Amino acid sequence: MLRVMIVEDEKPTLDLMERLIGRHPLLEVAGTFTSPLEALARYGELKPEVAFLDVEMPKMGGIELADKLKEVDEELQVVFTTAYPGYAVDAFRVHAVDYLLKPVAPEDLERVVPRLVHNREMRAALRPSAGTGEPAVRCLGTFETRGADGRLMNWPTRKTEELFAYFLAYPNRLTDKWRLADLLWPDLEEDRSLHNLHNTIYRLKKALKEAGISVSLTHTNEGYVFEASPALSDWGQLRALMASASRVDGRNAPEADRRFRAYRGALFGGRDYPWSASAASEAASQYASLVRMLTDWYRERGDSASAKETLRLYLGQAPLDEEMNAELLRLFAEAGETGAYLRHFEGYERLLADELGIEPPAELRRWAQQLR
């Protein structure tokens, strides 16, 4: 949600503005003032992201107040309100987002709020700290969703969160409503499970809207279609990369490295949803494919140190992967790192014996014998 300060010298108008803004799901009233001087003094304490300012006020007008507030925080978004349209030029001199004529109506907010949200997202994307492409939803190694304000979302019900997880796993396709109802409420009668589904869809839409998360969730006679940008989640970003690239090269190497390092473990933090096993297998397979591509890229460049680091990090997530263990051991052997080879081989040998009751492949055992 966007934190809003309202400054209006007429108390009845201030009260109306407070009610209108307080009812909007993407806005939160941080403070209201009839005095621009008091608003300026309290700004640092309240830290609003948006200021709705009356243009005509005694002692200090809204445009002068906007100038002073922007000296404190140049990213503050300003929306002016006035009964007179003649101040528009001055309003835009201080880069106002919009200019609303009184009395302000709900439809005025519906027009201006999307611009406020978009502006915040664009500014966040331009900050150096945002260059990592941090998504709103983390699916790999955990399952958490943050709203546009960066706050962790609290879902109204567990089934709402599970339904969101399902749509993230299977986006951009028509999902039969009866299948969804059966997946989420397998023990209920059909009519009851479908009723629960309709309620949960409503809760999901409402929660995402209130959090400022932009998705499309449409209903047809047959079911539902969920559409969202791949940038919404870390898994979506991984999927998009793997769909567009058959190998890592100079153009996509930075993004490949970011997607590799963003992986933190099993899909949805290992949550045991009845339907999620195949989705979790898909995510793990994409991660393994990315590691192979990155390792090949580093080897082509003669960067064995980065190739070994990539494999070590991957094996921290998938320690039993035979192909990747063998590749790391080959890199140790090629570099003449006898001690590193034997330490890793012996650890892998113990793990296979303890977990699966088997031995490493014959070729790796043969190399180890030659190095001892």
Protein backbone atom coordinates (compact mmCIF):
# COMPACT_ATOMS: atom_id res chain seq x y z
CA MET A 1 0.00 0.00 0.00
CA LEU A 2 1.00 3.61 -0.55
CA ARG A 3 1.27 5.81 2.57
CA VAL A 4 -0.57 9.09 2.02
CA MET A 5 -0.42 12.51 3.69
CA ILE A 6 -3.42 14.83 3.19
CA VAL A 7 -3.10 18.61 3.67
CA GLU A 8 -6.34 20.61 3.37
CA ASP A 9 -7.19 23.73 5.36
CA GLU A 10 -10.97 23.19 5.26
CA LYS A 11 -11.89 20.55 7.84
CA PRO A 12 -15.04 19.19 6.10
CA THR A 13 -13.08 18.72 2.86
CA LEU A 14 -10.19 17.13 4.79
CA ASP A 15 -12.60 14.66 6.42
CA LEU A 16 -14.07 13.77 3.01
CA MET A 17 -10.61 13.20 1.54
CA GLU A 18 -9.62 11.04 4.49
CA ARG A 19 -12.70 8.84 4.01
CA LEU A 20 -12.17 8.50 0.25
CA ILE A 21 -8.48 7.67 0.52
CA GLY A 22 -8.95 5.42 3.55
CA ARG A 23 -11.42 3.27 1.63
CA HIS A 24 -9.10 2.66 -1.32
CA PRO A 25 -7.41 -0.78 -1.07
CA LEU A 26 -4.02 0.50 -2.29
CA LEU A 27 -3.85 3.61 -0.10
CA GLU A 28 -3.18 4.08 3.61
CA VAL A 29 -3.67 7.42 5.37
CA ALA A 30 -0.45 8.22 7.23
CA GLY A 31 -1.51 11.66 8.48
CA THR A 32 -4.00 14.51 7.89
CA PHE A 33 -3.37 18.23 8.46
CA THR A 34 -5.21 21.50 8.17
CA SER A 35 -1.91 23.36 8.65
CA PRO A 36 0.81 23.11 5.97
CA LEU A 37 3.42 24.16 8.54
CA GLU A 38 2.48 21.26 10.81
CA ALA A 39 2.51 18.88 7.84
CA LEU A 40 6.03 20.01 6.94
CA ALA A 41 7.18 19.56 10.54
CA ARG A 42 5.71 16.04 10.79
CA TYR A 43 6.80 14.81 7.36
CA GLY A 44 10.04 13.19 8.50
CA GLU A 45 8.21 11.27 11.22
CA LEU A 46 5.39 10.00 8.99
CA LYS A 47 7.42 9.32 5.82
CA PRO A 48 4.51 9.27 3.37
CA GLU A 49 5.05 8.24 -0.24
CA VAL A 50 2.23 10.41 -1.60
CA ALA A 51 0.94 13.86 -0.58
CA PHE A 52 -2.51 15.15 -1.54
CA LEU A 53 -2.14 18.92 -1.17
CA ASP A 54 -4.72 21.67 -1.40
CA VAL A 55 -3.34 24.43 -3.61
CA GLU A 56 -5.03 27.37 -1.85
CA MET A 57 -4.09 27.55 1.83
CA PRO A 58 -3.19 30.49 4.12
CA LYS A 59 0.42 31.14 5.18
CA MET A 60 1.78 28.50 2.80
CA GLY A 61 0.08 27.30 -0.38
CA GLY A 62 0.20 23.74 -1.62
CA ILE A 63 2.70 24.45 -4.40
CA GLU A 64 5.14 26.10 -1.98
CA LEU A 65 4.65 23.22 0.44
CA ALA A 66 5.35 20.73 -2.36
CA ASP A 67 8.61 22.53 -3.15
CA LYS A 68 9.72 22.27 0.49
CA LEU A 69 8.66 18.63 0.85
CA LYS A 70 10.52 17.65 -2.31
CA GLU A 71 13.65 19.27 -0.91
CA VAL A 72 13.39 16.70 1.89
CA ASP A 73 12.37 13.76 -0.35
CA GLU A 74 12.62 14.17 -4.10
CA GLU A 75 10.75 10.89 -4.63
CA LEU A 76 7.58 12.12 -2.91
CA GLN A 77 4.63 11.91 -5.30
CA VAL A 78 2.35 14.97 -5.16
CA VAL A 79 -1.31 15.21 -6.16
CA PHE A 80 -2.85 18.67 -5.99
CA THR A 81 -6.50 19.37 -5.21
CA THR A 82 -8.24 22.70 -5.87
CA ALA A 83 -11.53 24.30 -6.79
CA TYR A 84 -9.81 26.40 -9.47
CA PRO A 85 -8.15 24.96 -12.60
CA GLY A 86 -5.84 27.94 -13.14
CA TYR A 87 -2.93 26.50 -11.12
CA ALA A 88 -2.20 23.62 -13.48
CA VAL A 89 0.99 25.08 -14.94
CA ASP A 90 2.51 25.77 -11.52
CA ALA A 91 1.40 22.34 -10.31
CA PHE A 92 3.31 20.57 -13.04
CA ARG A 93 6.35 22.77 -12.44
CA VAL A 94 6.88 20.74 -9.26
CA HIS A 95 6.26 17.51 -11.21
CA ALA A 96 2.85 16.78 -9.76
CA VAL A 97 1.45 13.36 -10.63
CA ASP A 98 -2.02 14.80 -11.15
CA TYR A 99 -4.27 17.79 -10.51
CA LEU A 100 -7.76 17.02 -9.15
CA LEU A 101 -10.66 19.44 -9.08
CA LYS A 102 -12.82 19.53 -5.98
CA PRO A 103 -14.95 17.88 -4.89
CA VAL A 104 -12.72 14.83 -5.38
CA ALA A 105 -14.73 11.70 -6.25
CA PRO A 106 -13.88 7.96 -6.04
CA GLU A 107 -13.44 7.81 -9.83
CA ASP A 108 -10.73 10.47 -9.55
CA LEU A 109 -8.76 8.16 -7.26
CA GLU A 110 -9.30 5.21 -9.59
CA ARG A 111 -7.68 7.30 -12.30
CA VAL A 112 -4.70 8.55 -10.30
CA VAL A 113 -3.80 5.54 -8.11
CA PRO A 114 -2.55 3.31 -10.99
CA ARG A 115 -0.17 6.12 -11.96
CA LEU A 116 1.10 6.40 -8.39
CA VAL A 117 1.72 2.66 -8.18
CA HIS A 118 3.38 2.59 -11.60
CA ASN A 119 5.65 5.51 -10.69
CA ARG A 120 6.80 3.78 -7.52
CA GLU A 121 7.55 0.56 -9.39
CA MET A 122 9.51 2.41 -12.07
CA ARG A 123 11.56 4.32 -9.50
CA ALA A 124 12.29 1.13 -7.60
CA ALA A 125 13.48 -0.50 -10.81
CA LEU A 126 15.90 2.37 -11.45
CA ARG A 127 17.54 2.22 -8.03
CA PRO A 128 20.91 0.41 -7.95
CA SER A 129 19.66 -1.97 -5.27
CA ALA A 130 16.79 -3.01 -7.48
CA GLY A 131 19.03 -4.06 -10.35
CA THR A 132 19.03 -7.62 -9.12
CA GLY A 133 15.46 -8.07 -10.35
CA GLU A 134 14.04 -9.00 -6.96
CA PRO A 135 10.60 -10.56 -7.53
CA ALA A 136 7.46 -10.05 -5.47
CA VAL A 137 7.09 -13.82 -5.02
CA ARG A 138 9.76 -16.26 -3.94
CA CYS A 139 8.97 -19.88 -4.74
CA LEU A 140 12.40 -21.56 -4.73
CA GLY A 141 13.38 -22.66 -1.26
CA THR A 142 10.52 -20.80 0.41
CA PHE A 143 7.09 -19.46 -0.43
CA GLU A 144 6.57 -15.84 0.42
CA THR A 145 4.87 -12.94 -1.31
CA ARG A 146 5.55 -9.27 -0.74
CA GLY A 147 3.23 -6.47 -1.74
CA ALA A 148 4.18 -3.35 -3.65
CA ASP A 149 5.19 -1.76 -0.34
CA GLY A 150 7.67 -4.56 0.37
CA ARG A 151 5.68 -5.99 3.26
CA LEU A 152 5.21 -9.73 3.63
CA MET A 153 1.67 -10.73 2.77
CA ASN A 154 -0.55 -12.54 5.25
CA TRP A 155 -2.99 -14.71 3.30
CA PRO A 156 -6.62 -14.78 4.51
CA THR A 157 -6.65 -18.62 4.42
CA ARG A 158 -4.21 -21.42 3.68
CA LYS A 159 -6.28 -22.47 0.70
CA THR A 160 -5.95 -18.97 -0.77
CA GLU A 161 -2.17 -19.30 -0.60
CA GLU A 162 -2.30 -22.81 -2.06
CA LEU A 163 -4.50 -21.67 -4.94
CA PHE A 164 -2.02 -18.88 -5.69
CA ALA A 165 0.79 -21.46 -5.64
CA TYR A 166 -1.13 -23.62 -8.13
CA PHE A 167 -1.64 -20.71 -10.52
CA LEU A 168 2.07 -19.82 -10.28
CA ALA A 169 2.93 -23.42 -11.13
CA TYR A 170 0.51 -23.58 -14.06
CA PRO A 171 0.11 -20.07 -15.51
CA ASN A 172 -1.26 -18.97 -18.89
CA ARG A 173 -3.57 -21.91 -19.36
CA LEU A 174 -7.23 -22.68 -18.83
CA THR A 175 -7.66 -24.72 -15.64
CA ASP A 176 -10.95 -26.57 -15.31
CA LYS A 177 -12.91 -25.34 -12.30
CA TRP A 178 -13.98 -28.85 -11.29
CA ARG A 179 -10.36 -30.01 -11.36
CA LEU A 180 -9.33 -27.11 -9.14
CA ALA A 181 -12.16 -27.80 -6.71
CA ASP A 182 -11.24 -31.48 -6.53
CA LEU A 183 -7.52 -30.75 -6.05
CA LEU A 184 -8.09 -28.35 -3.17
CA TRP A 185 -11.08 -30.02 -1.48
CA PRO A 186 -10.95 -33.70 -2.47
CA ASP A 187 -13.06 -34.83 0.50
CA LEU A 188 -16.03 -32.51 -0.08
CA GLU A 189 -19.08 -32.98 -2.27
CA GLU A 190 -18.82 -31.33 -5.69
CA ASP A 191 -21.24 -28.48 -5.03
CA ARG A 192 -19.60 -27.62 -1.72
CA SER A 193 -16.07 -27.75 -3.14
CA LEU A 194 -17.09 -25.52 -6.06
CA HIS A 195 -18.63 -23.02 -3.62
CA ASN A 196 -15.33 -22.99 -1.67
CA LEU A 197 -13.42 -22.43 -4.90
CA HIS A 198 -15.51 -19.38 -5.84
CA ASN A 199 -14.97 -17.87 -2.39
CA THR A 200 -11.24 -18.57 -2.50
CA ILE A 201 -10.90 -17.01 -5.97
CA TYR A 202 -12.58 -13.88 -4.61
CA ARG A 203 -10.23 -13.79 -1.60
CA LEU A 204 -7.19 -14.27 -3.85
CA LYS A 205 -8.16 -11.44 -6.18
CA LYS A 206 -8.86 -9.13 -3.27
CA ALA A 207 -5.58 -9.96 -1.48
CA LEU A 208 -3.50 -9.40 -4.63
CA LYS A 209 -5.24 -6.12 -5.42
CA GLU A 210 -4.76 -4.82 -1.90
CA ALA A 211 -1.07 -5.76 -2.08
CA GLY A 212 -0.63 -3.90 -5.37
CA ILE A 213 0.35 -7.06 -7.26
CA SER A 214 -0.64 -6.92 -10.91
CA VAL A 215 -2.00 -10.18 -12.36
CA SER A 216 -4.91 -11.22 -14.56
CA LEU A 217 -7.27 -13.87 -13.23
CA THR A 218 -10.21 -14.36 -15.58
CA HIS A 219 -13.20 -16.66 -15.40
CA THR A 220 -14.81 -18.61 -18.23
CA ASN A 221 -17.64 -21.12 -18.18
CA GLU A 222 -15.08 -23.92 -18.03
CA GLY A 223 -12.63 -22.55 -15.48
CA TYR A 224 -9.97 -19.93 -14.79
CA VAL A 225 -6.96 -18.46 -16.59
CA PHE A 226 -4.15 -16.90 -14.53
CA GLU A 227 -1.73 -14.60 -16.37
CA ALA A 228 1.24 -12.77 -14.87
CA SER A 229 4.60 -11.43 -15.93
CA PRO A 230 7.49 -13.89 -15.50
CA ALA A 231 9.10 -11.16 -13.38
CA LEU A 232 6.48 -11.74 -10.68
CA SER A 233 8.33 -14.72 -9.19
CA ASP A 234 11.83 -16.18 -9.02
CA TRP A 235 10.53 -19.34 -10.67
CA GLY A 236 8.90 -17.32 -13.44
CA GLN A 237 12.23 -15.62 -14.09
CA LEU A 238 14.01 -18.98 -14.19
CA ARG A 239 11.39 -20.41 -16.55
CA ALA A 240 11.64 -17.40 -18.86
CA LEU A 241 15.42 -17.70 -19.07
CA MET A 242 15.34 -21.43 -19.75
CA ALA A 243 12.63 -21.00 -22.41
CA SER A 244 14.67 -18.39 -24.27
CA ALA A 245 18.18 -19.85 -24.03
CA SER A 246 19.68 -23.17 -25.09
CA ARG A 247 23.09 -22.16 -23.80
CA VAL A 248 24.78 -19.46 -21.72
CA ASP A 249 26.71 -16.85 -23.66
CA GLY A 250 27.98 -13.32 -23.22
CA ARG A 251 24.51 -11.81 -23.63
CA ASN A 252 22.63 -13.84 -21.05
CA ALA A 253 25.43 -14.81 -18.65
CA PRO A 254 24.62 -12.09 -16.05
CA GLU A 255 20.95 -13.11 -15.92
CA ALA A 256 21.89 -16.79 -15.81
CA ASP A 257 24.15 -16.15 -12.83
CA ARG A 258 21.39 -14.18 -11.05
CA ARG A 259 18.86 -16.97 -11.59
CA PHE A 260 21.39 -19.53 -10.39
CA ARG A 261 22.13 -17.63 -7.18
CA ALA A 262 18.45 -16.87 -6.55
CA TYR A 263 17.67 -20.58 -6.21
CA ARG A 264 17.39 -21.52 -2.54
CA GLY A 265 15.86 -24.99 -2.60
CA ALA A 266 12.74 -27.00 -3.27
CA LEU A 267 9.70 -25.38 -4.88
CA PHE A 268 7.41 -23.65 -2.37
CA GLY A 269 9.87 -24.44 0.40
CA GLY A 270 9.02 -28.14 0.17
CA ARG A 271 5.34 -27.59 1.00
CA ASP A 272 3.62 -30.92 0.45
CA TYR A 273 0.71 -29.85 -1.70
CA PRO A 274 -1.01 -32.94 -3.18
CA TRP A 275 -0.62 -31.61 -6.73
CA SER A 276 2.89 -30.10 -6.51
CA ALA A 277 5.25 -33.06 -7.02
CA SER A 278 5.50 -32.68 -10.80
CA ALA A 279 5.91 -28.92 -10.53
CA ALA A 280 8.70 -29.34 -7.96
CA SER A 281 10.41 -31.84 -10.27
CA GLU A 282 10.15 -29.36 -13.16
CA ALA A 283 11.74 -26.56 -11.11
CA ALA A 284 14.58 -28.81 -9.93
CA SER A 285 15.19 -29.99 -13.49
CA GLN A 286 15.35 -26.41 -14.79
CA TYR A 287 17.84 -25.51 -12.08
CA ALA A 288 20.02 -28.50 -12.95
CA SER A 289 19.91 -27.56 -16.65
CA LEU A 290 20.94 -24.01 -15.81
CA VAL A 291 23.92 -25.31 -13.81
CA ARG A 292 25.04 -27.46 -16.76
CA MET A 293 24.82 -24.46 -19.08
CA LEU A 294 26.72 -22.21 -16.68
CA THR A 295 29.41 -24.81 -16.08
CA ASP A 296 29.88 -25.25 -19.85
CA TRP A 297 30.14 -21.46 -20.24
CA TYR A 298 32.81 -21.16 -17.59
CA ARG A 299 34.77 -24.08 -19.01
CA GLU A 300 34.67 -22.56 -22.49
CA ARG A 301 36.15 -19.38 -21.06
CA GLY A 302 38.83 -21.29 -19.16
CA ASP A 303 37.34 -20.15 -15.84
CA SER A 304 37.56 -23.39 -13.88
CA ALA A 305 37.31 -21.58 -10.52
CA SER A 306 33.81 -20.26 -11.35
CA ALA A 307 32.82 -23.64 -12.77
CA LYS A 308 33.85 -25.36 -9.53
CA GLU A 309 32.10 -22.75 -7.37
CA THR A 310 28.90 -23.22 -9.39
CA LEU A 311 29.02 -26.98 -8.98
CA ARG A 312 29.77 -26.78 -5.24
CA LEU A 313 26.80 -24.48 -4.67
CA TYR A 314 24.54 -26.69 -6.73
CA LEU A 315 25.61 -29.83 -4.88
CA GLY A 316 24.70 -28.12 -1.64
CA GLN A 317 21.12 -28.33 -2.94
CA ALA A 318 21.34 -31.68 -4.75
CA PRO A 319 24.21 -33.63 -3.15
CA LEU A 320 23.33 -36.96 -4.80
CA ASP A 321 23.39 -35.72 -8.39
CA GLU A 322 25.75 -38.18 -10.06
CA GLU A 323 26.42 -36.14 -13.19
CA MET A 324 27.35 -32.97 -11.28
CA ASN A 325 29.53 -34.79 -8.75
CA ALA A 326 31.38 -36.43 -11.62
CA GLU A 327 31.85 -33.07 -13.37
CA LEU A 328 33.27 -31.45 -10.24
CA LEU A 329 35.65 -34.36 -9.71
CA ARG A 330 36.79 -34.11 -13.35
CA LEU A 331 37.59 -30.43 -12.82
CA PHE A 332 39.65 -31.30 -9.73
CA ALA A 333 41.48 -34.00 -11.68
CA GLU A 334 42.19 -31.74 -14.68
CA ALA A 335 43.59 -29.07 -12.36
CA GLY A 336 45.79 -31.59 -10.55
CA GLU A 337 44.02 -30.85 -7.26
CA THR A 338 44.55 -34.29 -5.73
CA GLY A 339 43.60 -33.35 -2.19
CA ALA A 340 40.38 -31.62 -3.27
CA TYR A 341 39.49 -34.60 -5.46
CA LEU A 342 39.96 -37.15 -2.70
CA ARG A 343 38.13 -35.09 -0.06
CA HIS A 344 35.11 -34.61 -2.29
CA PHE A 345 35.15 -38.21 -3.52
CA GLU A 346 35.27 -39.65 -0.01
CA GLY A 347 32.41 -37.43 1.14
CA TYR A 348 30.36 -38.43 -1.90
CA GLU A 349 31.21 -42.08 -1.34
CA ARG A 350 29.96 -41.93 2.28
CA LEU A 351 26.79 -40.11 1.26
CA LEU A 352 25.92 -42.71 -1.37
CA ALA A 353 26.53 -45.54 1.09
CA ASP A 354 24.43 -43.93 3.81
CA GLU A 355 21.56 -42.71 1.66
CA LEU A 356 21.31 -45.27 -1.14
CA GLY A 357 23.58 -48.18 -0.16
CA ILE A 358 25.56 -47.97 -3.40
CA GLU A 359 29.07 -47.02 -4.57
CA PRO A 360 30.21 -44.19 -6.85
CA PRO A 361 30.57 -44.99 -10.56
CA ALA A 362 33.52 -47.24 -11.45
CA GLU A 363 35.36 -44.51 -13.37
CA LEU A 364 35.41 -42.18 -10.34
CA ARG A 365 36.58 -44.99 -8.05
CA ARG A 366 39.35 -45.79 -10.48
CA TRP A 367 40.55 -42.18 -10.52
CA ALA A 368 40.52 -42.08 -6.73
CA GLN A 369 42.64 -45.24 -6.52
CA GLN A 370 45.18 -43.77 -8.92
CA LEU A 371 45.46 -40.57 -6.87
CA ARG A 372 45.86 -42.23 -3.47
